[in-house]
Amino acid sequence: MMEVVNALGRRKSAIARIFVSEGTGKITINKRDLAVYFPSSILQYVVKQPLNKLDVAEKYDIKVNLCGGGFTGQSQALRLAIARALVKINPEDKAALRAEGFMTRDPRAVERKKPGRPKARRRFQFSKR
């Protein structure tokens, strides 16, 4: 019996802390089922991508603590966390997951607002007179 493996995934301002144990493929997010938390089938697909790539979708139970960000950022943060956990379990899988781009932390985030401007780069309307 394998012990519980934990991993962390981030995207934009979303943070996913996960705990992977052997099981039947149940994913629980904030004490809710995956289908309830992410009703969109596209987001469910994004979350399961690393598991489907390695054909281990029915092998592990995943408990997730998700906070911050919106649903897209949260799903991508969870995908990164799952990929990192799978590499902790079996380091040989890293090459396959990296080739698909699941191991890379997406560094893009919202640019901060600058003083004297309404947004980060937008300027107030110029008035000639």
N, C-alpha and C. Protein backbone atom coordinates (compact mmCIF):
# COMPACT_ATOMS: atom_id res chain seq x y z
N MET A 1 0.85 -1.20 0.00
CA MET A 1 0.00 0.00 0.00
C MET A 1 0.88 1.25 0.00
N MET A 2 0.60 2.16 -0.94
CA MET A 2 1.41 3.38 -1.01
C MET A 2 0.90 4.41 -0.01
N GLU A 3 1.82 5.22 0.46
CA GLU A 3 1.43 6.29 1.39
C GLU A 3 0.84 7.45 0.59
N VAL A 4 0.28 8.41 1.29
CA VAL A 4 -0.34 9.57 0.65
C VAL A 4 0.76 10.49 0.11
N VAL A 5 0.63 10.88 -1.16
CA VAL A 5 1.58 11.79 -1.79
C VAL A 5 0.89 13.14 -1.95
N ASN A 6 1.57 14.22 -1.54
CA ASN A 6 0.96 15.54 -1.70
C ASN A 6 1.76 16.38 -2.70
N ALA A 7 1.07 17.34 -3.33
CA ALA A 7 1.71 18.21 -4.31
C ALA A 7 0.97 19.53 -4.36
N LEU A 8 1.63 20.53 -4.96
CA LEU A 8 1.08 21.88 -5.03
C LEU A 8 1.10 22.36 -6.48
N GLY A 9 0.02 23.00 -6.92
CA GLY A 9 -0.03 23.57 -8.26
C GLY A 9 -0.57 24.98 -8.19
N ARG A 10 0.01 25.88 -8.98
CA ARG A 10 -0.46 27.27 -9.01
C ARG A 10 -0.67 27.72 -10.44
N ARG A 11 -1.63 28.66 -10.62
CA ARG A 11 -1.87 29.29 -11.92
C ARG A 11 -2.60 30.59 -11.65
N LYS A 12 -2.09 31.71 -12.19
CA LYS A 12 -2.63 33.03 -11.89
C LYS A 12 -2.67 33.20 -10.38
N SER A 13 -3.87 33.37 -9.78
CA SER A 13 -3.91 33.49 -8.32
C SER A 13 -4.56 32.27 -7.67
N ALA A 14 -4.70 31.18 -8.43
CA ALA A 14 -5.30 29.95 -7.90
C ALA A 14 -4.22 29.04 -7.33
N ILE A 15 -4.52 28.40 -6.20
CA ILE A 15 -3.59 27.46 -5.57
C ILE A 15 -4.32 26.15 -5.32
N ALA A 16 -3.73 25.04 -5.79
CA ALA A 16 -4.31 23.71 -5.58
C ALA A 16 -3.34 22.87 -4.76
N ARG A 17 -3.79 22.44 -3.56
CA ARG A 17 -3.02 21.51 -2.73
C ARG A 17 -3.72 20.16 -2.83
N ILE A 18 -2.99 19.12 -3.24
CA ILE A 18 -3.65 17.83 -3.44
C ILE A 18 -2.97 16.72 -2.64
N PHE A 19 -3.77 15.69 -2.33
CA PHE A 19 -3.31 14.50 -1.62
C PHE A 19 -3.75 13.30 -2.43
N VAL A 20 -2.78 12.53 -2.93
CA VAL A 20 -3.07 11.38 -3.80
C VAL A 20 -2.84 10.10 -3.02
N SER A 21 -3.84 9.21 -3.04
CA SER A 21 -3.70 7.89 -2.43
C SER A 21 -4.27 6.85 -3.39
N GLU A 22 -3.94 5.59 -3.16
CA GLU A 22 -4.46 4.53 -4.02
C GLU A 22 -5.96 4.44 -3.83
N GLY A 23 -6.68 4.18 -4.91
CA GLY A 23 -8.14 4.12 -4.82
C GLY A 23 -8.79 3.76 -6.13
N THR A 24 -9.97 4.36 -6.36
CA THR A 24 -10.79 3.97 -7.51
C THR A 24 -10.94 5.09 -8.54
N GLY A 25 -10.23 6.18 -8.38
CA GLY A 25 -10.30 7.27 -9.35
C GLY A 25 -11.25 8.38 -8.97
N LYS A 26 -11.55 8.53 -7.67
CA LYS A 26 -12.46 9.58 -7.21
C LYS A 26 -11.67 10.86 -6.96
N ILE A 27 -12.14 11.98 -7.53
CA ILE A 27 -11.51 13.28 -7.31
C ILE A 27 -12.47 14.14 -6.49
N THR A 28 -12.04 14.54 -5.28
CA THR A 28 -12.86 15.35 -4.40
C THR A 28 -12.22 16.72 -4.24
N ILE A 29 -12.96 17.78 -4.61
CA ILE A 29 -12.44 19.15 -4.53
C ILE A 29 -13.24 19.90 -3.48
N ASN A 30 -12.56 20.42 -2.45
CA ASN A 30 -13.21 21.15 -1.36
C ASN A 30 -14.45 20.40 -0.84
N LYS A 31 -14.30 19.09 -0.61
CA LYS A 31 -15.35 18.19 -0.11
C LYS A 31 -16.53 18.05 -1.06
N ARG A 32 -16.31 18.38 -2.35
CA ARG A 32 -17.34 18.18 -3.37
C ARG A 32 -16.77 17.36 -4.51
N ASP A 33 -17.63 16.67 -5.22
CA ASP A 33 -17.19 15.83 -6.34
C ASP A 33 -16.71 16.70 -7.50
N LEU A 34 -15.84 16.14 -8.33
CA LEU A 34 -15.29 16.88 -9.49
C LEU A 34 -16.40 17.41 -10.39
N ALA A 35 -17.39 16.56 -10.70
CA ALA A 35 -18.49 16.95 -11.59
C ALA A 35 -19.35 18.07 -11.00
N VAL A 36 -19.42 18.13 -9.67
CA VAL A 36 -20.20 19.19 -9.01
C VAL A 36 -19.41 20.50 -8.99
N TYR A 37 -18.10 20.40 -8.69
CA TYR A 37 -17.26 21.60 -8.58
C TYR A 37 -17.00 22.21 -9.96
N PHE A 38 -16.68 21.37 -10.96
CA PHE A 38 -16.47 21.82 -12.34
C PHE A 38 -17.57 21.21 -13.22
N PRO A 39 -18.74 21.88 -13.35
CA PRO A 39 -19.80 21.30 -14.18
C PRO A 39 -19.42 21.22 -15.66
N SER A 40 -18.51 22.08 -16.10
CA SER A 40 -18.10 22.11 -17.51
C SER A 40 -17.25 20.88 -17.84
N SER A 41 -17.61 20.19 -18.91
CA SER A 41 -16.87 18.99 -19.31
C SER A 41 -15.46 19.33 -19.78
N ILE A 42 -15.28 20.54 -20.31
CA ILE A 42 -13.95 20.96 -20.78
C ILE A 42 -13.00 21.09 -19.58
N LEU A 43 -13.46 21.69 -18.49
CA LEU A 43 -12.62 21.85 -17.30
C LEU A 43 -12.34 20.49 -16.66
N GLN A 44 -13.32 19.59 -16.67
CA GLN A 44 -13.10 18.23 -16.15
C GLN A 44 -12.04 17.53 -16.98
N TYR A 45 -12.08 17.73 -18.31
CA TYR A 45 -11.09 17.13 -19.20
C TYR A 45 -9.69 17.67 -18.91
N VAL A 46 -9.60 18.99 -18.69
CA VAL A 46 -8.31 19.64 -18.38
C VAL A 46 -7.71 19.03 -17.12
N VAL A 47 -8.54 18.86 -16.09
CA VAL A 47 -8.07 18.31 -14.82
C VAL A 47 -7.55 16.87 -14.99
N LYS A 48 -8.24 16.08 -15.83
CA LYS A 48 -7.89 14.66 -15.96
C LYS A 48 -6.81 14.38 -17.01
N GLN A 49 -6.36 15.41 -17.73
CA GLN A 49 -5.37 15.21 -18.79
C GLN A 49 -4.14 14.39 -18.37
N PRO A 50 -3.44 14.75 -17.25
CA PRO A 50 -2.25 13.97 -16.89
C PRO A 50 -2.59 12.52 -16.55
N LEU A 51 -3.74 12.29 -15.89
CA LEU A 51 -4.15 10.93 -15.52
C LEU A 51 -4.45 10.10 -16.77
N ASN A 52 -5.15 10.71 -17.73
CA ASN A 52 -5.48 9.99 -18.98
C ASN A 52 -4.24 9.72 -19.82
N LYS A 53 -3.28 10.65 -19.80
CA LYS A 53 -2.03 10.48 -20.56
C LYS A 53 -1.27 9.23 -20.10
N LEU A 54 -1.28 8.98 -18.77
CA LEU A 54 -0.55 7.83 -18.22
C LEU A 54 -1.45 6.63 -17.98
N ASP A 55 -2.74 6.73 -18.36
CA ASP A 55 -3.73 5.65 -18.16
C ASP A 55 -3.82 5.20 -16.71
N VAL A 56 -3.87 6.15 -15.78
CA VAL A 56 -4.00 5.82 -14.35
C VAL A 56 -5.22 6.51 -13.73
N ALA A 57 -6.21 6.86 -14.58
CA ALA A 57 -7.37 7.61 -14.11
C ALA A 57 -8.17 6.86 -13.05
N GLU A 58 -8.19 5.51 -13.12
CA GLU A 58 -8.98 4.72 -12.16
C GLU A 58 -8.11 4.16 -11.03
N LYS A 59 -6.88 4.62 -10.93
CA LYS A 59 -5.94 4.01 -9.99
C LYS A 59 -5.78 4.78 -8.68
N TYR A 60 -6.00 6.09 -8.72
CA TYR A 60 -5.74 6.93 -7.54
C TYR A 60 -6.98 7.73 -7.12
N ASP A 61 -7.11 7.91 -5.80
CA ASP A 61 -8.09 8.84 -5.25
C ASP A 61 -7.38 10.15 -4.97
N ILE A 62 -7.99 11.27 -5.33
CA ILE A 62 -7.34 12.58 -5.16
C ILE A 62 -8.24 13.47 -4.33
N LYS A 63 -7.68 14.00 -3.23
CA LYS A 63 -8.38 14.99 -2.41
C LYS A 63 -7.72 16.32 -2.68
N VAL A 64 -8.53 17.34 -2.95
CA VAL A 64 -8.01 18.64 -3.38
C VAL A 64 -8.50 19.75 -2.47
N ASN A 65 -7.59 20.67 -2.15
CA ASN A 65 -7.93 21.90 -1.46
C ASN A 65 -7.64 23.04 -2.44
N LEU A 66 -8.70 23.65 -3.00
CA LEU A 66 -8.55 24.67 -4.04
C LEU A 66 -8.98 26.03 -3.51
N CYS A 67 -8.16 27.06 -3.75
CA CYS A 67 -8.58 28.41 -3.35
C CYS A 67 -8.00 29.44 -4.31
N GLY A 68 -8.67 30.57 -4.40
CA GLY A 68 -8.19 31.68 -5.22
C GLY A 68 -8.50 31.52 -6.70
N GLY A 69 -8.51 32.63 -7.39
CA GLY A 69 -8.66 32.61 -8.84
C GLY A 69 -10.06 32.28 -9.32
N GLY A 70 -10.17 32.07 -10.64
CA GLY A 70 -11.44 31.70 -11.27
C GLY A 70 -11.40 30.24 -11.67
N PHE A 71 -12.45 29.76 -12.31
CA PHE A 71 -12.54 28.33 -12.60
C PHE A 71 -11.47 27.82 -13.57
N THR A 72 -11.11 28.63 -14.58
CA THR A 72 -10.08 28.19 -15.53
C THR A 72 -8.72 28.08 -14.85
N GLY A 73 -8.35 29.11 -14.09
CA GLY A 73 -7.07 29.09 -13.37
C GLY A 73 -7.02 27.95 -12.37
N GLN A 74 -8.14 27.70 -11.69
CA GLN A 74 -8.20 26.62 -10.70
C GLN A 74 -8.01 25.26 -11.37
N SER A 75 -8.66 25.05 -12.52
CA SER A 75 -8.54 23.76 -13.20
C SER A 75 -7.10 23.53 -13.68
N GLN A 76 -6.44 24.60 -14.16
CA GLN A 76 -5.06 24.46 -14.64
C GLN A 76 -4.08 24.30 -13.48
N ALA A 77 -4.36 24.93 -12.34
CA ALA A 77 -3.54 24.74 -11.15
C ALA A 77 -3.64 23.30 -10.67
N LEU A 78 -4.85 22.75 -10.72
CA LEU A 78 -5.08 21.36 -10.31
C LEU A 78 -4.38 20.39 -11.26
N ARG A 79 -4.38 20.70 -12.55
CA ARG A 79 -3.69 19.85 -13.54
C ARG A 79 -2.19 19.79 -13.23
N LEU A 80 -1.59 20.95 -12.91
CA LEU A 80 -0.16 20.99 -12.57
C LEU A 80 0.12 20.19 -11.30
N ALA A 81 -0.73 20.34 -10.29
CA ALA A 81 -0.55 19.61 -9.03
C ALA A 81 -0.63 18.10 -9.25
N ILE A 82 -1.60 17.64 -10.06
CA ILE A 82 -1.74 16.21 -10.34
C ILE A 82 -0.51 15.69 -11.08
N ALA A 83 -0.02 16.46 -12.06
CA ALA A 83 1.18 16.04 -12.80
C ALA A 83 2.38 15.92 -11.87
N ARG A 84 2.54 16.89 -10.96
CA ARG A 84 3.67 16.85 -10.01
C ARG A 84 3.56 15.65 -9.07
N ALA A 85 2.34 15.34 -8.63
CA ALA A 85 2.13 14.21 -7.73
C ALA A 85 2.45 12.89 -8.44
N LEU A 86 2.04 12.78 -9.72
CA LEU A 86 2.31 11.55 -10.48
C LEU A 86 3.81 11.34 -10.67
N VAL A 87 4.55 12.44 -10.83
CA VAL A 87 6.01 12.35 -10.97
C VAL A 87 6.65 11.91 -9.65
N LYS A 88 6.09 12.40 -8.51
CA LYS A 88 6.59 11.96 -7.20
C LYS A 88 6.38 10.45 -7.02
N ILE A 89 5.24 9.95 -7.51
CA ILE A 89 4.93 8.52 -7.39
C ILE A 89 5.84 7.70 -8.30
N ASN A 90 6.00 8.14 -9.56
CA ASN A 90 6.81 7.40 -10.52
C ASN A 90 7.64 8.38 -11.36
N PRO A 91 8.92 8.61 -10.99
CA PRO A 91 9.75 9.60 -11.70
C PRO A 91 9.95 9.32 -13.20
N GLU A 92 9.75 8.06 -13.63
CA GLU A 92 9.92 7.75 -15.07
C GLU A 92 8.87 8.43 -15.95
N ASP A 93 7.75 8.82 -15.34
CA ASP A 93 6.67 9.44 -16.12
C ASP A 93 6.94 10.89 -16.48
N LYS A 94 7.99 11.49 -15.90
CA LYS A 94 8.22 12.92 -16.06
C LYS A 94 8.38 13.34 -17.52
N ALA A 95 9.12 12.55 -18.30
CA ALA A 95 9.37 12.89 -19.71
C ALA A 95 8.06 12.96 -20.50
N ALA A 96 7.18 11.99 -20.28
CA ALA A 96 5.90 11.96 -21.01
C ALA A 96 5.03 13.15 -20.64
N LEU A 97 4.99 13.50 -19.36
CA LEU A 97 4.17 14.63 -18.91
C LEU A 97 4.76 15.96 -19.37
N ARG A 98 6.10 16.06 -19.38
CA ARG A 98 6.75 17.29 -19.83
C ARG A 98 6.50 17.51 -21.32
N ALA A 99 6.52 16.44 -22.10
CA ALA A 99 6.29 16.54 -23.55
C ALA A 99 4.91 17.13 -23.85
N GLU A 100 3.93 16.83 -22.99
CA GLU A 100 2.57 17.37 -23.17
C GLU A 100 2.43 18.78 -22.58
N GLY A 101 3.44 19.22 -21.81
CA GLY A 101 3.42 20.57 -21.23
C GLY A 101 2.73 20.65 -19.89
N PHE A 102 2.52 19.50 -19.22
CA PHE A 102 1.82 19.49 -17.94
C PHE A 102 2.72 19.82 -16.75
N MET A 103 4.04 19.80 -16.93
CA MET A 103 4.96 20.03 -15.83
C MET A 103 5.39 21.49 -15.71
N THR A 104 4.98 22.32 -16.66
CA THR A 104 5.43 23.71 -16.69
C THR A 104 4.45 24.61 -15.96
N ARG A 105 4.96 25.41 -15.00
CA ARG A 105 4.14 26.40 -14.29
C ARG A 105 3.96 27.59 -15.22
N ASP A 106 2.72 27.90 -15.56
CA ASP A 106 2.45 29.04 -16.44
C ASP A 106 2.68 30.33 -15.64
N PRO A 107 3.69 31.13 -16.00
CA PRO A 107 4.04 32.30 -15.18
C PRO A 107 3.14 33.51 -15.41
N ARG A 108 2.26 33.46 -16.41
CA ARG A 108 1.45 34.64 -16.72
C ARG A 108 0.47 34.95 -15.60
N ALA A 109 0.44 36.20 -15.19
CA ALA A 109 -0.50 36.65 -14.16
C ALA A 109 -0.92 38.07 -14.49
N VAL A 110 -1.89 38.59 -13.77
CA VAL A 110 -2.40 39.93 -14.04
C VAL A 110 -1.34 40.96 -13.68
N GLU A 111 -1.13 41.91 -14.59
CA GLU A 111 -0.16 42.98 -14.37
C GLU A 111 -0.75 43.98 -13.37
N ARG A 112 0.09 44.50 -12.50
CA ARG A 112 -0.42 45.41 -11.47
C ARG A 112 -0.84 46.75 -12.06
N LYS A 113 -1.77 47.40 -11.37
CA LYS A 113 -2.24 48.73 -11.78
C LYS A 113 -1.16 49.75 -11.45
N LYS A 114 -0.91 50.68 -12.38
CA LYS A 114 0.11 51.72 -12.17
C LYS A 114 -0.56 53.01 -11.69
N PRO A 115 0.14 53.82 -10.92
CA PRO A 115 -0.45 55.09 -10.47
C PRO A 115 -0.64 56.06 -11.63
N GLY A 116 -1.70 56.85 -11.57
CA GLY A 116 -1.98 57.83 -12.62
C GLY A 116 -2.60 57.22 -13.85
N ARG A 117 -3.04 55.96 -13.77
CA ARG A 117 -3.67 55.27 -14.90
C ARG A 117 -4.90 54.53 -14.40
N PRO A 118 -5.91 54.35 -15.26
CA PRO A 118 -7.09 53.61 -14.81
C PRO A 118 -6.84 52.11 -14.66
N LYS A 119 -5.94 51.55 -15.51
CA LYS A 119 -5.59 50.13 -15.42
C LYS A 119 -4.07 50.01 -15.54
N ALA A 120 -3.57 48.83 -15.85
CA ALA A 120 -2.12 48.64 -15.90
C ALA A 120 -1.46 49.46 -17.02
N ARG A 121 -2.06 49.44 -18.21
CA ARG A 121 -1.47 50.17 -19.34
C ARG A 121 -2.40 51.21 -19.95
N ARG A 122 -3.68 51.05 -19.73
CA ARG A 122 -4.67 51.99 -20.26
C ARG A 122 -4.42 53.38 -19.68
N ARG A 123 -4.51 54.39 -20.55
CA ARG A 123 -4.36 55.76 -20.07
C ARG A 123 -5.72 56.45 -20.07
N PHE A 124 -5.83 57.51 -19.27
CA PHE A 124 -7.06 58.30 -19.29
C PHE A 124 -7.16 58.99 -20.64
N GLN A 125 -8.39 59.26 -21.09
CA GLN A 125 -8.61 59.88 -22.39
C GLN A 125 -7.95 61.23 -22.46
N PHE A 126 -7.23 61.46 -23.56
CA PHE A 126 -6.49 62.72 -23.75
C PHE A 126 -7.46 63.79 -24.27
N SER A 127 -7.39 64.96 -23.64
CA SER A 127 -8.24 66.07 -24.08
C SER A 127 -7.32 67.20 -24.51
N LYS A 128 -7.47 67.63 -25.79
CA LYS A 128 -6.58 68.67 -26.32
C LYS A 128 -6.93 70.03 -25.70
N ARG A 129 -8.23 70.29 -25.49
CA ARG A 129 -8.62 71.59 -24.92
C ARG A 129 -9.76 71.46 -23.94
